[in-house]
Amino acid sequence: MITLANKAVMGLLGILRRVHNRLTRTVQQIPRRLLARPLLRGVAPRFFSNRIYAPPSNRVLPHVLILRYRYYSQKNHALGDSTEKQMLEGTLTASRLATFDTLCWDTDFALSPFGDWRLLSECNKLRLDVIVLSSYSSKNNRQPCIETLQFLRRTYYIPIVAIVSRR
């Protein structure tokens, strides 16, 4: 038999659980918010915008950077490559319309802001014509934040094609 005191304790535990979950989510987002925005607004513009960014004039085909997942399943790597590899890279290879490089969210990227810095350095090194973001979600810490993408558009004038994920 449940007494009034038991109901009160269960209700209080439910409230504490919700508060704990909310605080945990907020604490997990703090490093991304604190580190990414000041670094991009303060250091990155000074470091990257002084460089002349233009694709090489001797390039015959456009060069694309594809950001995708490496594996079909994040839990079971034995299932093989992701479908994005066949759909994006396979199509570009077969059609010979562009050259491309690949960065993978799950193996090549680090948590923000280090993944953002990696993307900026790759763009600076490769002199890209287009960036394709496959399965992009701004809530995923292993993918670039919106400020990084805005910085790339504003500073380097690189078109960004995002295939958005609802995760």
N, C-alpha and C. Protein backbone atom coordinates (compact mmCIF):
# COMPACT_ATOMS: atom_id res chain seq x y z
N MET A 1 0.84 -1.17 0.00
CA MET A 1 0.00 0.00 0.00
C MET A 1 0.89 1.25 0.00
N ILE A 2 0.59 2.17 -0.90
CA ILE A 2 1.39 3.38 -1.03
C ILE A 2 0.78 4.46 -0.15
N THR A 3 1.60 4.98 0.72
CA THR A 3 1.12 6.03 1.62
C THR A 3 1.36 7.39 0.99
N LEU A 4 0.81 8.38 1.62
CA LEU A 4 0.97 9.75 1.15
C LEU A 4 2.44 10.17 1.18
N ALA A 5 3.17 9.70 2.17
CA ALA A 5 4.60 10.04 2.27
C ALA A 5 5.37 9.41 1.11
N ASN A 6 5.03 8.17 0.73
CA ASN A 6 5.69 7.53 -0.40
C ASN A 6 5.41 8.28 -1.71
N LYS A 7 4.18 8.74 -1.89
CA LYS A 7 3.83 9.50 -3.09
C LYS A 7 4.62 10.80 -3.14
N ALA A 8 4.76 11.46 -2.01
CA ALA A 8 5.51 12.72 -1.96
C ALA A 8 6.98 12.48 -2.29
N VAL A 9 7.55 11.40 -1.74
CA VAL A 9 8.96 11.09 -2.03
C VAL A 9 9.14 10.75 -3.51
N MET A 10 8.24 9.98 -4.11
CA MET A 10 8.35 9.63 -5.53
C MET A 10 8.19 10.88 -6.41
N GLY A 11 7.29 11.77 -6.04
CA GLY A 11 7.13 13.01 -6.79
C GLY A 11 8.38 13.87 -6.70
N LEU A 12 8.95 13.97 -5.50
CA LEU A 12 10.17 14.75 -5.32
C LEU A 12 11.33 14.13 -6.11
N LEU A 13 11.44 12.80 -6.12
CA LEU A 13 12.48 12.13 -6.90
C LEU A 13 12.31 12.40 -8.40
N GLY A 14 11.08 12.42 -8.88
CA GLY A 14 10.82 12.73 -10.29
C GLY A 14 11.26 14.14 -10.65
N ILE A 15 10.97 15.09 -9.77
CA ILE A 15 11.39 16.48 -10.00
C ILE A 15 12.91 16.57 -9.99
N LEU A 16 13.56 15.92 -9.02
CA LEU A 16 15.02 15.96 -8.96
C LEU A 16 15.66 15.31 -10.19
N ARG A 17 15.05 14.24 -10.68
CA ARG A 17 15.57 13.57 -11.88
C ARG A 17 15.50 14.50 -13.09
N ARG A 18 14.39 15.23 -13.25
CA ARG A 18 14.25 16.17 -14.37
C ARG A 18 15.26 17.31 -14.26
N VAL A 19 15.45 17.82 -13.05
CA VAL A 19 16.43 18.90 -12.84
C VAL A 19 17.83 18.38 -13.15
N HIS A 20 18.15 17.18 -12.69
CA HIS A 20 19.47 16.58 -12.96
C HIS A 20 19.70 16.42 -14.47
N ASN A 21 18.70 15.92 -15.20
CA ASN A 21 18.85 15.74 -16.64
C ASN A 21 19.07 17.07 -17.35
N ARG A 22 18.32 18.09 -16.95
CA ARG A 22 18.46 19.41 -17.57
C ARG A 22 19.85 20.01 -17.28
N LEU A 23 20.30 19.89 -16.04
CA LEU A 23 21.63 20.40 -15.69
C LEU A 23 22.73 19.64 -16.43
N THR A 24 22.57 18.34 -16.58
CA THR A 24 23.57 17.55 -17.30
C THR A 24 23.67 18.00 -18.74
N ARG A 25 22.53 18.20 -19.41
CA ARG A 25 22.55 18.68 -20.80
C ARG A 25 23.19 20.05 -20.90
N THR A 26 22.89 20.93 -19.97
CA THR A 26 23.44 22.28 -19.99
C THR A 26 24.95 22.25 -19.78
N VAL A 27 25.41 21.44 -18.83
CA VAL A 27 26.84 21.35 -18.56
C VAL A 27 27.58 20.77 -19.75
N GLN A 28 26.98 19.82 -20.45
CA GLN A 28 27.63 19.24 -21.62
C GLN A 28 27.76 20.25 -22.75
N GLN A 29 26.88 21.23 -22.83
CA GLN A 29 26.92 22.23 -23.90
C GLN A 29 27.84 23.39 -23.58
N ILE A 30 28.25 23.55 -22.34
CA ILE A 30 29.08 24.70 -21.94
C ILE A 30 30.41 24.76 -22.69
N PRO A 31 31.19 23.66 -22.79
CA PRO A 31 32.47 23.78 -23.51
C PRO A 31 32.29 24.23 -24.95
N ARG A 32 31.27 23.71 -25.62
CA ARG A 32 31.04 24.10 -27.02
C ARG A 32 30.72 25.58 -27.12
N ARG A 33 29.89 26.08 -26.24
CA ARG A 33 29.51 27.49 -26.29
C ARG A 33 30.65 28.41 -25.87
N LEU A 34 31.35 28.02 -24.81
CA LEU A 34 32.42 28.89 -24.30
C LEU A 34 33.64 28.91 -25.21
N LEU A 35 34.00 27.76 -25.77
CA LEU A 35 35.22 27.70 -26.55
C LEU A 35 35.02 28.07 -28.01
N ALA A 36 33.94 27.62 -28.61
CA ALA A 36 33.79 27.78 -30.06
C ALA A 36 33.60 29.24 -30.45
N ARG A 37 32.69 29.92 -29.84
CA ARG A 37 32.37 31.28 -30.28
C ARG A 37 33.51 32.28 -30.08
N PRO A 38 34.13 32.34 -28.88
CA PRO A 38 35.24 33.29 -28.74
C PRO A 38 36.41 32.96 -29.66
N LEU A 39 36.71 31.67 -29.85
CA LEU A 39 37.82 31.31 -30.73
C LEU A 39 37.54 31.72 -32.15
N LEU A 40 36.31 31.50 -32.59
CA LEU A 40 35.98 31.84 -33.96
C LEU A 40 35.85 33.34 -34.16
N ARG A 41 35.30 34.02 -33.19
CA ARG A 41 35.14 35.46 -33.35
C ARG A 41 36.41 36.23 -33.07
N GLY A 42 37.27 35.70 -32.19
CA GLY A 42 38.47 36.44 -31.83
C GLY A 42 39.71 36.01 -32.58
N VAL A 43 40.05 34.73 -32.52
CA VAL A 43 41.32 34.27 -33.06
C VAL A 43 41.21 33.88 -34.53
N ALA A 44 40.20 33.13 -34.89
CA ALA A 44 40.11 32.61 -36.26
C ALA A 44 40.08 33.71 -37.32
N PRO A 45 39.31 34.77 -37.17
CA PRO A 45 39.33 35.79 -38.22
C PRO A 45 40.71 36.40 -38.40
N ARG A 46 41.44 36.63 -37.31
CA ARG A 46 42.79 37.20 -37.45
C ARG A 46 43.75 36.22 -38.08
N PHE A 47 43.60 34.95 -37.75
CA PHE A 47 44.54 33.94 -38.23
C PHE A 47 44.28 33.54 -39.68
N PHE A 48 43.00 33.34 -40.03
CA PHE A 48 42.68 32.81 -41.35
C PHE A 48 42.36 33.88 -42.39
N SER A 49 41.80 35.02 -42.00
CA SER A 49 41.34 35.98 -43.00
C SER A 49 42.48 36.78 -43.62
N ASN A 50 43.68 36.74 -43.04
CA ASN A 50 44.81 37.45 -43.64
C ASN A 50 45.35 36.71 -44.86
N ARG A 51 44.98 35.47 -45.01
CA ARG A 51 45.49 34.67 -46.10
C ARG A 51 44.63 34.86 -47.34
N ILE A 52 45.25 34.85 -48.47
CA ILE A 52 44.50 34.97 -49.72
C ILE A 52 43.94 33.59 -50.04
N TYR A 53 42.64 33.54 -50.18
CA TYR A 53 42.00 32.26 -50.44
C TYR A 53 41.38 32.29 -51.81
N ALA A 54 41.94 31.54 -52.71
CA ALA A 54 41.38 31.38 -54.04
C ALA A 54 41.77 30.01 -54.55
N PRO A 55 40.84 29.31 -55.18
CA PRO A 55 41.20 28.02 -55.74
C PRO A 55 42.29 28.19 -56.81
N PRO A 56 43.18 27.23 -56.96
CA PRO A 56 44.24 27.34 -57.96
C PRO A 56 43.67 27.53 -59.36
N SER A 57 44.28 28.38 -60.14
CA SER A 57 43.75 28.68 -61.47
C SER A 57 44.02 27.55 -62.46
N ASN A 58 44.98 26.68 -62.17
CA ASN A 58 45.29 25.59 -63.09
C ASN A 58 44.42 24.35 -62.85
N ARG A 59 43.47 24.43 -61.95
CA ARG A 59 42.60 23.30 -61.64
C ARG A 59 41.56 23.15 -62.75
N VAL A 60 41.44 21.94 -63.28
CA VAL A 60 40.51 21.69 -64.37
C VAL A 60 39.11 21.38 -63.83
N LEU A 61 39.05 20.53 -62.81
CA LEU A 61 37.77 20.14 -62.21
C LEU A 61 37.60 20.81 -60.85
N PRO A 62 36.36 21.10 -60.45
CA PRO A 62 36.15 21.64 -59.10
C PRO A 62 36.56 20.62 -58.05
N HIS A 63 37.00 21.13 -56.89
CA HIS A 63 37.42 20.25 -55.80
C HIS A 63 36.41 20.37 -54.66
N VAL A 64 35.92 19.23 -54.19
CA VAL A 64 34.85 19.17 -53.20
C VAL A 64 35.37 18.50 -51.93
N LEU A 65 34.98 19.04 -50.79
CA LEU A 65 35.24 18.38 -49.51
C LEU A 65 33.92 17.77 -49.04
N ILE A 66 33.92 16.45 -48.84
CA ILE A 66 32.72 15.74 -48.39
C ILE A 66 32.91 15.39 -46.92
N LEU A 67 31.99 15.82 -46.08
CA LEU A 67 32.00 15.46 -44.67
C LEU A 67 30.85 14.50 -44.45
N ARG A 68 31.17 13.28 -44.02
CA ARG A 68 30.16 12.22 -43.91
C ARG A 68 30.53 11.29 -42.78
N TYR A 69 29.65 10.30 -42.51
CA TYR A 69 29.95 9.23 -41.58
C TYR A 69 30.72 8.13 -42.32
N ARG A 70 31.69 7.52 -41.64
CA ARG A 70 32.49 6.48 -42.27
C ARG A 70 31.75 5.14 -42.31
N TYR A 71 31.07 4.79 -41.24
CA TYR A 71 30.46 3.47 -41.14
C TYR A 71 28.95 3.55 -41.25
N TYR A 72 28.36 2.46 -41.75
CA TYR A 72 26.91 2.38 -41.89
C TYR A 72 26.23 2.44 -40.53
N SER A 73 26.80 1.75 -39.56
CA SER A 73 26.24 1.72 -38.21
C SER A 73 27.32 2.15 -37.23
N GLN A 74 26.99 3.06 -36.35
CA GLN A 74 27.96 3.52 -35.36
C GLN A 74 28.22 2.45 -34.30
N LYS A 75 27.27 1.54 -34.11
CA LYS A 75 27.40 0.51 -33.09
C LYS A 75 28.07 -0.76 -33.62
N ASN A 76 27.94 -1.01 -34.92
CA ASN A 76 28.48 -2.23 -35.50
C ASN A 76 29.26 -1.88 -36.77
N HIS A 77 30.58 -1.74 -36.64
CA HIS A 77 31.41 -1.35 -37.78
C HIS A 77 31.55 -2.48 -38.80
N ALA A 78 31.18 -3.69 -38.41
CA ALA A 78 31.28 -4.82 -39.33
C ALA A 78 30.30 -4.71 -40.48
N LEU A 79 29.29 -3.85 -40.37
CA LEU A 79 28.33 -3.67 -41.45
C LEU A 79 28.93 -2.94 -42.64
N GLY A 80 30.11 -2.36 -42.47
CA GLY A 80 30.82 -1.77 -43.60
C GLY A 80 30.63 -0.27 -43.74
N ASP A 81 30.99 0.21 -44.93
CA ASP A 81 30.94 1.64 -45.22
C ASP A 81 29.52 2.17 -45.21
N SER A 82 29.41 3.48 -44.99
CA SER A 82 28.11 4.12 -44.98
C SER A 82 27.54 4.22 -46.39
N THR A 83 26.25 4.39 -46.46
CA THR A 83 25.61 4.58 -47.76
C THR A 83 26.02 5.90 -48.38
N GLU A 84 26.44 6.85 -47.53
CA GLU A 84 26.89 8.14 -48.04
C GLU A 84 28.12 7.99 -48.93
N LYS A 85 28.96 7.00 -48.63
CA LYS A 85 30.15 6.78 -49.46
C LYS A 85 29.73 6.40 -50.87
N GLN A 86 28.79 5.48 -50.99
CA GLN A 86 28.36 5.07 -52.32
C GLN A 86 27.61 6.20 -53.04
N MET A 87 26.75 6.90 -52.30
CA MET A 87 25.92 7.92 -52.95
C MET A 87 26.71 9.16 -53.35
N LEU A 88 27.60 9.64 -52.50
CA LEU A 88 28.32 10.87 -52.79
C LEU A 88 29.63 10.60 -53.52
N GLU A 89 30.50 9.82 -52.91
CA GLU A 89 31.81 9.59 -53.50
C GLU A 89 31.72 8.72 -54.75
N GLY A 90 30.87 7.71 -54.70
CA GLY A 90 30.73 6.84 -55.87
C GLY A 90 30.21 7.59 -57.08
N THR A 91 29.26 8.47 -56.86
CA THR A 91 28.70 9.27 -57.96
C THR A 91 29.74 10.20 -58.55
N LEU A 92 30.50 10.89 -57.70
CA LEU A 92 31.53 11.81 -58.21
C LEU A 92 32.65 11.05 -58.92
N THR A 93 33.00 9.88 -58.42
CA THR A 93 34.05 9.10 -59.06
C THR A 93 33.59 8.59 -60.42
N ALA A 94 32.37 8.08 -60.50
CA ALA A 94 31.86 7.52 -61.75
C ALA A 94 31.64 8.60 -62.81
N SER A 95 31.15 9.75 -62.39
CA SER A 95 30.84 10.81 -63.36
C SER A 95 32.06 11.64 -63.76
N ARG A 96 33.09 11.62 -62.92
CA ARG A 96 34.31 12.41 -63.16
C ARG A 96 33.99 13.89 -63.34
N LEU A 97 33.03 14.38 -62.57
CA LEU A 97 32.66 15.80 -62.63
C LEU A 97 33.48 16.65 -61.68
N ALA A 98 34.08 16.03 -60.66
CA ALA A 98 34.85 16.79 -59.67
C ALA A 98 35.82 15.85 -58.98
N THR A 99 36.85 16.46 -58.40
CA THR A 99 37.73 15.73 -57.50
C THR A 99 37.26 15.99 -56.08
N PHE A 100 37.61 15.12 -55.15
CA PHE A 100 37.09 15.30 -53.80
C PHE A 100 38.06 14.77 -52.76
N ASP A 101 37.91 15.28 -51.55
CA ASP A 101 38.55 14.76 -50.35
C ASP A 101 37.45 14.50 -49.35
N THR A 102 37.72 13.62 -48.40
CA THR A 102 36.70 13.22 -47.43
C THR A 102 37.21 13.40 -46.01
N LEU A 103 36.34 13.94 -45.16
CA LEU A 103 36.54 13.92 -43.71
C LEU A 103 35.32 13.22 -43.12
N CYS A 104 35.55 12.37 -42.14
CA CYS A 104 34.45 11.62 -41.55
C CYS A 104 34.14 12.14 -40.15
N TRP A 105 32.84 12.30 -39.87
CA TRP A 105 32.41 12.81 -38.57
C TRP A 105 32.91 11.91 -37.44
N ASP A 106 32.81 10.60 -37.64
CA ASP A 106 33.05 9.67 -36.54
C ASP A 106 34.51 9.29 -36.35
N THR A 107 35.38 9.48 -37.33
CA THR A 107 36.77 9.09 -37.16
C THR A 107 37.76 10.26 -37.29
N ASP A 108 37.50 11.21 -38.14
CA ASP A 108 38.44 12.30 -38.39
C ASP A 108 38.18 13.54 -37.55
N PHE A 109 36.95 13.73 -37.11
CA PHE A 109 36.59 14.94 -36.38
C PHE A 109 36.75 14.72 -34.89
N ALA A 110 37.01 15.80 -34.17
CA ALA A 110 37.07 15.77 -32.71
C ALA A 110 35.93 16.63 -32.18
N LEU A 111 35.76 16.61 -30.88
CA LEU A 111 34.72 17.44 -30.29
C LEU A 111 35.02 18.91 -30.54
N SER A 112 33.96 19.70 -30.56
CA SER A 112 34.11 21.13 -30.79
C SER A 112 34.92 21.75 -29.67
N PRO A 113 35.78 22.68 -29.92
CA PRO A 113 36.07 23.42 -31.15
C PRO A 113 37.20 22.82 -31.98
N PHE A 114 37.77 21.69 -31.56
CA PHE A 114 38.91 21.15 -32.28
C PHE A 114 38.54 20.64 -33.66
N GLY A 115 37.33 20.09 -33.81
CA GLY A 115 36.86 19.68 -35.13
C GLY A 115 36.66 20.88 -36.04
N ASP A 116 36.20 21.99 -35.46
CA ASP A 116 36.03 23.22 -36.25
C ASP A 116 37.37 23.73 -36.76
N TRP A 117 38.39 23.68 -35.90
CA TRP A 117 39.72 24.11 -36.32
C TRP A 117 40.26 23.19 -37.40
N ARG A 118 39.98 21.90 -37.28
CA ARG A 118 40.43 20.95 -38.32
C ARG A 118 39.78 21.28 -39.66
N LEU A 119 38.49 21.59 -39.65
CA LEU A 119 37.79 21.95 -40.87
C LEU A 119 38.38 23.22 -41.48
N LEU A 120 38.64 24.23 -40.65
CA LEU A 120 39.23 25.47 -41.16
C LEU A 120 40.61 25.23 -41.77
N SER A 121 41.42 24.42 -41.12
CA SER A 121 42.76 24.17 -41.68
C SER A 121 42.68 23.35 -42.97
N GLU A 122 41.74 22.40 -43.06
CA GLU A 122 41.57 21.63 -44.29
C GLU A 122 41.12 22.54 -45.44
N CYS A 123 40.21 23.45 -45.15
CA CYS A 123 39.74 24.38 -46.19
C CYS A 123 40.89 25.28 -46.65
N ASN A 124 41.71 25.71 -45.72
CA ASN A 124 42.84 26.56 -46.06
C ASN A 124 43.87 25.80 -46.89
N LYS A 125 44.06 24.52 -46.58
CA LYS A 125 45.07 23.71 -47.26
C LYS A 125 44.59 23.26 -48.64
N LEU A 126 43.31 22.85 -48.76
CA LEU A 126 42.82 22.24 -49.99
C LEU A 126 42.33 23.24 -51.04
N ARG A 127 42.02 24.47 -50.63
CA ARG A 127 41.49 25.48 -51.57
C ARG A 127 40.25 24.94 -52.28
N LEU A 128 39.20 24.76 -51.52
CA LEU A 128 37.99 24.08 -51.99
C LEU A 128 37.11 24.97 -52.86
N ASP A 129 36.30 24.29 -53.68
CA ASP A 129 35.27 24.97 -54.45
C ASP A 129 33.89 24.79 -53.81
N VAL A 130 33.66 23.66 -53.16
CA VAL A 130 32.37 23.36 -52.52
C VAL A 130 32.62 22.47 -51.31
N ILE A 131 31.78 22.63 -50.27
CA ILE A 131 31.77 21.73 -49.12
C ILE A 131 30.40 21.07 -49.06
N VAL A 132 30.39 19.75 -48.93
CA VAL A 132 29.13 19.00 -48.80
C VAL A 132 29.10 18.40 -47.40
N LEU A 133 28.11 18.77 -46.62
CA LEU A 133 27.91 18.25 -45.27
C LEU A 133 26.79 17.22 -45.32
N SER A 134 27.12 15.96 -45.16
CA SER A 134 26.11 14.92 -45.21
C SER A 134 25.68 14.56 -43.79
N SER A 135 24.39 14.37 -43.60
CA SER A 135 23.81 14.04 -42.28
C SER A 135 24.20 15.08 -41.25
N TYR A 136 24.08 16.35 -41.59
CA TYR A 136 24.50 17.42 -40.69
C TYR A 136 23.43 17.71 -39.63
N SER A 137 23.88 17.88 -38.41
CA SER A 137 23.02 18.30 -37.31
C SER A 137 23.80 19.28 -36.45
N SER A 138 23.27 20.46 -36.25
CA SER A 138 23.99 21.47 -35.47
C SER A 138 24.07 21.10 -33.99
N LYS A 139 23.30 20.11 -33.56
CA LYS A 139 23.31 19.69 -32.16
C LYS A 139 24.41 18.66 -31.87
N ASN A 140 25.01 18.12 -32.91
CA ASN A 140 26.05 17.11 -32.74
C ASN A 140 27.39 17.80 -32.48
N ASN A 141 28.04 17.49 -31.36
CA ASN A 141 29.31 18.12 -31.00
C ASN A 141 30.47 17.70 -31.90
N ARG A 142 30.30 16.63 -32.66
CA ARG A 142 31.37 16.17 -33.56
C ARG A 142 31.24 16.80 -34.94
N GLN A 143 30.33 17.72 -35.12
CA GLN A 143 30.15 18.40 -36.39
C GLN A 143 30.36 19.89 -36.18
N PRO A 144 30.74 20.62 -37.23
CA PRO A 144 31.05 22.04 -37.05
C PRO A 144 29.84 22.84 -36.59
N CYS A 145 30.10 23.85 -35.76
CA CYS A 145 29.00 24.68 -35.30
C CYS A 145 28.63 25.68 -36.40
N ILE A 146 27.47 26.28 -36.24
CA ILE A 146 26.94 27.21 -37.23
C ILE A 146 27.90 28.38 -37.44
N GLU A 147 28.54 28.85 -36.40
CA GLU A 147 29.46 29.99 -36.51
C GLU A 147 30.63 29.66 -37.43
N THR A 148 31.12 28.42 -37.38
CA THR A 148 32.21 28.02 -38.27
C THR A 148 31.77 28.04 -39.72
N LEU A 149 30.58 27.53 -39.98
CA LEU A 149 30.07 27.52 -41.35
C LEU A 149 29.83 28.94 -41.85
N GLN A 150 29.32 29.81 -40.99
CA GLN A 150 29.13 31.21 -41.38
C GLN A 150 30.48 31.87 -41.66
N PHE A 151 31.49 31.56 -40.85
CA PHE A 151 32.82 32.10 -41.07
C PHE A 151 33.37 31.66 -42.42
N LEU A 152 33.20 30.38 -42.78
CA LEU A 152 33.66 29.89 -44.07
C LEU A 152 32.96 30.58 -45.22
N ARG A 153 31.66 30.79 -45.09
CA ARG A 153 30.90 31.47 -46.15
C ARG A 153 31.34 32.92 -46.30
N ARG A 154 31.51 33.60 -45.16
CA ARG A 154 31.85 35.03 -45.19
C ARG A 154 33.28 35.29 -45.62
N THR A 155 34.21 34.49 -45.12
CA THR A 155 35.63 34.76 -45.34
C THR A 155 36.15 34.13 -46.62
N TYR A 156 35.80 32.85 -46.85
CA TYR A 156 36.35 32.13 -48.00
C TYR A 156 35.40 32.07 -49.18
N TYR A 157 34.16 32.46 -49.00
CA TYR A 157 33.15 32.42 -50.08
C TYR A 157 33.00 31.01 -50.66
N ILE A 158 33.04 30.02 -49.80
CA ILE A 158 32.88 28.63 -50.23
C ILE A 158 31.40 28.27 -50.14
N PRO A 159 30.79 27.82 -51.23
CA PRO A 159 29.40 27.33 -51.14
C PRO A 159 29.34 26.09 -50.26
N ILE A 160 28.34 26.03 -49.40
CA ILE A 160 28.17 24.88 -48.50
C ILE A 160 26.82 24.24 -48.80
N VAL A 161 26.87 22.95 -49.10
CA VAL A 161 25.65 22.17 -49.35
C VAL A 161 25.46 21.27 -48.14
N ALA A 162 24.36 21.45 -47.42
CA ALA A 162 24.11 20.67 -46.21
C ALA A 162 22.92 19.74 -46.42
N ILE A 163 23.15 18.47 -46.18
CA ILE A 163 22.07 17.49 -46.15
C ILE A 163 21.77 17.30 -44.68
N VAL A 164 20.65 17.83 -44.23
CA VAL A 164 20.37 17.97 -42.80
C VAL A 164 19.78 16.68 -42.25
N SER A 165 20.25 16.33 -41.05
CA SER A 165 19.74 15.17 -40.33
C SER A 165 18.85 15.66 -39.21
N ARG A 166 17.82 14.91 -38.88
CA ARG A 166 16.91 15.32 -37.81
C ARG A 166 17.28 14.71 -36.48
N ARG A 167 18.44 14.14 -36.31
CA ARG A 167 18.84 13.48 -35.06
C ARG A 167 19.00 14.47 -33.97
